[in-house]
Each structure stands twice: as C-alpha cells, then as structure tokens.
Protein backbone atom coordinates (compact mmCIF):
# COMPACT_ATOMS: atom_id res chain seq x y z
CA UNK A 1 0.00 0.00 0.00
CA UNK A 2 1.38 3.42 -0.96
CA UNK A 3 1.68 6.48 1.29
CA UNK A 4 -1.43 8.17 -0.07
CA UNK A 5 -3.51 5.00 0.22
CA UNK A 6 -2.37 4.53 3.80
CA UNK A 7 -3.20 8.18 4.66
CA UNK A 8 -6.67 7.84 3.16
CA UNK A 9 -7.31 4.59 5.02
CA UNK A 10 -6.34 6.15 8.34
CA UNK A 11 -8.51 9.20 7.66
CA UNK A 12 -11.46 6.93 6.84
CA UNK A 13 -11.04 5.26 10.20
CA UNK A 14 -10.64 8.55 12.06
CA UNK A 15 -13.37 10.58 10.35
CA UNK A 16 -15.68 8.39 8.28
CA UNK A 17 -18.49 10.95 8.50
CA UNK A 18 -16.49 14.16 7.94
CA UNK A 19 -18.70 16.87 6.47
CA UNK A 20 -19.18 20.62 6.13
CA UNK A 21 -19.88 21.97 9.62
CA UNK A 22 -21.36 25.27 8.47
CA UNK A 23 -25.11 25.17 9.01
CA UNK A 24 -27.20 25.94 5.92
CA UNK A 25 -30.40 24.90 4.17
CA UNK A 26 -29.85 26.30 0.67
CA UNK A 27 -27.12 27.50 -1.69
CA UNK A 28 -27.40 31.15 -0.66
CA UNK A 29 -27.06 30.34 3.03
CA UNK A 30 -24.02 28.16 2.32
CA UNK A 31 -22.39 30.85 0.19
CA UNK A 32 -22.93 33.49 2.87
CA UNK A 33 -21.78 31.17 5.66
CA UNK A 34 -18.54 30.43 3.82
CA UNK A 35 -18.01 34.14 3.14
CA UNK A 36 -18.53 34.83 6.84
CA UNK A 37 -16.07 32.08 7.83
CA UNK A 38 -12.98 33.90 6.56
CA UNK A 39 -10.59 34.23 9.53
CA UNK A 40 -13.43 33.09 11.79
CA UNK A 41 -14.27 29.67 13.20
CA UNK A 42 -17.20 27.66 11.88
CA UNK A 43 -18.60 27.56 15.42
CA UNK A 44 -18.68 31.36 15.55
CA UNK A 45 -20.36 31.53 12.15
CA UNK A 46 -22.99 28.98 13.20
CA UNK A 47 -23.79 30.98 16.33
CA UNK A 48 -24.30 34.06 14.17
CA UNK A 49 -26.29 32.42 11.38
CA UNK A 50 -28.66 30.74 13.85
CA UNK A 51 -30.35 34.14 14.10
CA UNK A 52 -29.12 35.77 10.89
CA UNK A 53 -30.77 33.22 8.60
CA UNK A 54 -34.10 33.72 10.36
CA UNK A 55 -33.88 37.45 9.77
CA UNK A 56 -32.47 37.34 6.22
CA UNK A 57 -34.21 34.78 4.04
CA UNK A 58 -33.66 36.04 0.49
CA UNK A 59 -31.38 38.04 -1.77
CA UNK A 60 -33.72 40.99 -1.39
CA UNK A 61 -33.39 40.95 2.39
CA UNK A 62 -29.61 41.40 2.11
CA UNK A 63 -29.79 43.88 -0.77
CA UNK A 64 -32.30 46.28 0.73
CA UNK A 65 -31.18 46.38 4.35
CA UNK A 66 -29.20 49.56 5.21
CA UNK A 67 -25.48 48.71 5.13
CA UNK A 68 -24.95 49.88 8.69
CA UNK A 69 -27.75 47.59 9.89
CA UNK A 70 -26.18 44.54 8.25
CA UNK A 71 -22.83 45.52 9.72
CA UNK A 72 -24.33 45.57 13.19
CA UNK A 73 -25.97 42.21 12.60
CA UNK A 74 -22.55 40.75 11.72
CA UNK A 75 -20.64 42.61 14.41
CA UNK A 76 -19.88 39.57 16.55
CA UNK A 77 -17.44 38.15 13.98
CA UNK A 78 -14.22 39.53 12.56
CA UNK A 79 -14.01 41.73 9.47
CA UNK A 80 -17.75 42.34 9.73
CA UNK A 81 -17.69 45.61 7.78
CA UNK A 82 -15.94 44.10 4.76
CA UNK A 83 -18.10 40.98 4.95
CA UNK A 84 -21.30 43.02 5.08
CA UNK A 85 -20.24 45.02 2.05
CA UNK A 86 -19.25 41.93 0.07
CA UNK A 87 -22.42 40.03 0.97
CA UNK A 88 -24.63 42.87 -0.22
CA UNK A 89 -22.63 43.27 -3.44
CA UNK A 90 -22.60 39.51 -4.10
CA UNK A 91 -26.37 39.27 -3.59
CA UNK A 92 -26.94 42.17 -5.97
CA UNK A 93 -24.70 40.49 -8.57
CA UNK A 94 -26.54 37.17 -8.21
CA UNK A 95 -29.84 38.96 -8.79
CA UNK A 96 -28.66 40.98 -11.80
CA UNK A 97 -26.35 38.49 -13.52
CA UNK A 98 -27.67 35.05 -12.59
CA UNK A 99 -31.45 35.43 -12.38
CA UNK A 100 -31.41 35.36 -8.62
CA UNK A 101 -29.82 31.93 -8.33
CA UNK A 102 -26.41 31.11 -6.87
CA UNK A 103 -24.36 30.11 -9.94
CA UNK A 104 -22.96 26.61 -10.27
CA UNK A 105 -19.71 27.36 -12.10
CA UNK A 106 -16.24 28.24 -10.83
CA UNK A 107 -15.85 31.37 -12.98
CA UNK A 108 -19.30 32.68 -12.13
CA UNK A 109 -18.85 32.17 -8.41
CA UNK A 110 -15.41 33.77 -8.40
CA UNK A 111 -16.83 36.78 -10.24
CA UNK A 112 -18.94 37.60 -7.18
CA UNK A 113 -17.54 40.22 -4.78
CA UNK A 114 -15.81 38.62 -1.82
CA UNK A 115 -15.82 35.12 -3.31
CA UNK A 116 -12.42 33.54 -3.91
CA UNK A 117 -11.39 30.11 -5.09
CA UNK A 118 -11.76 28.44 -1.70
CA UNK A 119 -15.28 29.74 -1.19
CA UNK A 120 -16.27 28.75 -4.72
CA UNK A 121 -14.85 25.25 -4.25
CA UNK A 122 -16.78 24.75 -1.00
CA UNK A 123 -20.07 25.77 -2.62
CA UNK A 124 -19.43 23.62 -5.69
CA UNK A 125 -18.48 20.61 -3.57
CA UNK A 126 -21.01 20.81 -0.74
CA UNK A 127 -24.08 22.13 -2.54
CA UNK A 128 -23.60 21.17 -6.17
CA UNK A 129 -21.86 17.84 -5.56
CA UNK A 130 -18.76 18.48 -7.68
CA UNK A 131 -15.41 16.87 -6.93
CA UNK A 132 -13.39 19.71 -5.39
CA UNK A 133 -10.63 20.39 -2.89
CA UNK A 134 -11.05 23.66 -1.03
CA UNK A 135 -7.77 24.69 0.58
CA UNK A 136 -8.25 26.52 3.85
CA UNK A 137 -5.70 26.85 6.65
CA UNK A 138 -6.42 23.34 7.97
CA UNK A 139 -6.12 21.62 4.58
CA UNK A 140 -2.94 23.53 3.80
CA UNK A 141 -1.33 22.71 7.17
CA UNK A 142 -2.23 19.02 7.04
CA UNK A 143 -1.10 18.61 3.42
CA UNK A 144 2.25 20.19 4.22
CA UNK A 145 2.81 18.21 7.41
CA UNK A 146 1.95 14.96 5.63
CA UNK A 147 4.48 15.80 2.90
CA UNK A 148 1.82 16.11 0.22
CA UNK A 149 2.95 19.69 -0.42
CA UNK A 150 5.93 21.89 0.40
CA UNK A 151 5.93 24.32 3.32
CA UNK A 152 6.10 27.39 1.07
CA UNK A 153 3.41 26.27 -1.39
CA UNK A 154 0.56 28.69 -1.98
CA UNK A 155 -3.02 27.48 -1.53
CA UNK A 156 -3.27 27.16 -5.33
CA UNK A 157 -0.18 24.93 -5.43
CA UNK A 158 -1.47 22.84 -2.53
CA UNK A 159 -4.77 22.37 -4.33
CA UNK A 160 -3.05 21.37 -7.57
CA UNK A 161 -0.81 18.85 -5.81
CA UNK A 162 -3.65 17.27 -3.88
CA UNK A 163 -5.69 17.00 -7.07
CA UNK A 164 -2.80 15.12 -8.69
CA UNK A 165 -2.09 12.83 -5.77
CA UNK A 166 -5.61 11.97 -4.60
CA UNK A 167 -8.19 9.97 -6.57
CA UNK A 168 -10.73 12.40 -8.03
CA UNK A 169 -13.65 10.61 -6.40
CA UNK A 170 -11.96 11.24 -3.03
CA UNK A 171 -11.34 14.98 -3.41
CA UNK A 172 -14.39 16.30 -1.58
CA UNK A 173 -14.38 13.63 1.14
CA UNK A 174 -10.67 14.00 1.81
CA UNK A 175 -11.00 17.79 1.90
CA UNK A 176 -13.45 17.47 4.81
CA UNK A 177 -11.32 14.81 6.51
CA UNK A 178 -8.27 17.08 6.32
CA UNK A 179 -10.32 19.86 7.93
CA UNK A 180 -11.47 17.57 10.75
CA UNK A 181 -7.93 16.24 11.26
CA UNK A 182 -6.48 19.76 11.29
CA UNK A 183 -9.22 21.19 13.48
CA UNK A 184 -9.41 18.45 16.11
CA UNK A 185 -6.08 16.59 16.01
CA UNK A 186 -3.26 18.12 13.95
CA UNK A 187 -3.83 21.63 15.27
CA UNK A 188 -1.65 24.61 14.47
CA UNK A 189 -0.41 24.81 18.04
CA UNK A 190 0.12 21.83 20.32
CA UNK A 191 -0.86 19.12 17.81
CA UNK A 192 -1.70 15.75 19.29
CA UNK A 193 1.41 14.03 17.97
CA UNK A 194 1.62 11.30 20.61
CA UNK A 195 -0.16 8.24 19.27
CA UNK A 196 -1.05 9.94 15.99
CA UNK A 197 -1.90 7.26 13.40
CA UNK A 198 -0.37 9.40 10.64
CA UNK A 199 2.87 10.13 12.49
CA UNK A 200 4.93 7.93 10.17
CA UNK A 201 3.96 10.17 7.25
CA UNK A 202 4.57 13.46 9.07
CA UNK A 203 7.26 15.97 8.22
CA UNK A 204 7.55 16.75 11.94
CA UNK A 205 7.01 13.36 13.63
CA UNK A 206 8.29 14.55 17.01
CA UNK A 207 6.45 17.89 16.81
CA UNK A 208 9.73 19.73 16.47
CA UNK A 209 9.63 22.86 14.33
CA UNK A 210 5.96 22.23 13.63
CA UNK A 211 4.55 24.77 11.21
C-alpha cells in the first residue's frame, strides 16, 4: 500500500463521517456562511447564522437592508464591515447576472464580490456535488505536514498537488477529513502528535519545528 492509500485509510477510520460543519439549508445560506467564515471559526459563524438566517431569508433581504444595519448584525465576527459590504454586493450580482440563483460554475462564483477560489470550491463541492478540494488553513497545514505539499506552497499549489495525488472521487471527502484532522487533532499549536496514526507520514514526527 502506498503512502497516499495509507493516509486515506487512516482518515477513513478517524473521520468516516467528515462533512461541512457550516449550518445551511440552501445554496445562498451556504455561500454566505462560507463568506462569513474567513478568519473566523465555523462555530462562531454557526452561532451568528442561527439568528441571521431567520432574519435574512432572500437576496432581497440582504440587498435592501441599510449597510450599517447589516454591519451591526454581523458585528460579533471579525471583518464584519468588509463581509457586510461583500455580501450585499454579491447578492446584488446574483440577482442581476444570474437570475437570482447562486451560480454553479467556478468562474461565475469567483466573479462575485468577496468570493475567492476556496469559497467557490466549497459551494461547488457541498451544494452542487462536484469533486473539489477547497484549501483553507487546515487543509494547507495538514497537506504540508503529511508531505503532500511543500511548506512554502501557496493554496493554489497545494490544491493542484492534492488533485494530482488523490483519486478524483476522493477529493471532496478528503477535503473534509483534512479539515477535521487539522481542526481536532493536527492543530496549528500543540498538535496531538503522541499516538497519531499518521505520524509515520509526518514531516515533523516529534512535533519539532511544527509549522
């Protein structure tokens, strides 16, 4: 069994039910939740959207609310002013360019204000069921520690390398498993290295100089 196969087998045993932890019931809610999650934990976003999604149910709700009101409604998370501005602009673009429906293509999603490649990949994978790898800080850290990418690789390079090394049908599943592993086990600080089932594949097996 090769390195990649062994890594995937261990991840299947650790996190067989790994999934997107951002709460949502439709494509618009998912898009907004992912936009809100930039430099913010999923748990914080879920606490916010528990009330936000009851108050804002449509594109029109976001478009027509006074900007300062939306800012206040997002105030409990970081970068709330920029996020409020981008959410309103993205909703207006969806209404004017895409007939009021969240688009299902990479280029169209990335054309929306505040939507980058990672956000587009999450929406395409989670809502539209496409095979995608969305590289956030957890995926990047885990890929680099497991020697599937180099330490200085950009998110784009990490994505490209993972797409080459992982079976396509595993992209979305492994993306979520990397997030779970990075969030709950291979953390940025004080990773749980002792007894780690993937230690033999790690660039820092004794948690020395962990990045």
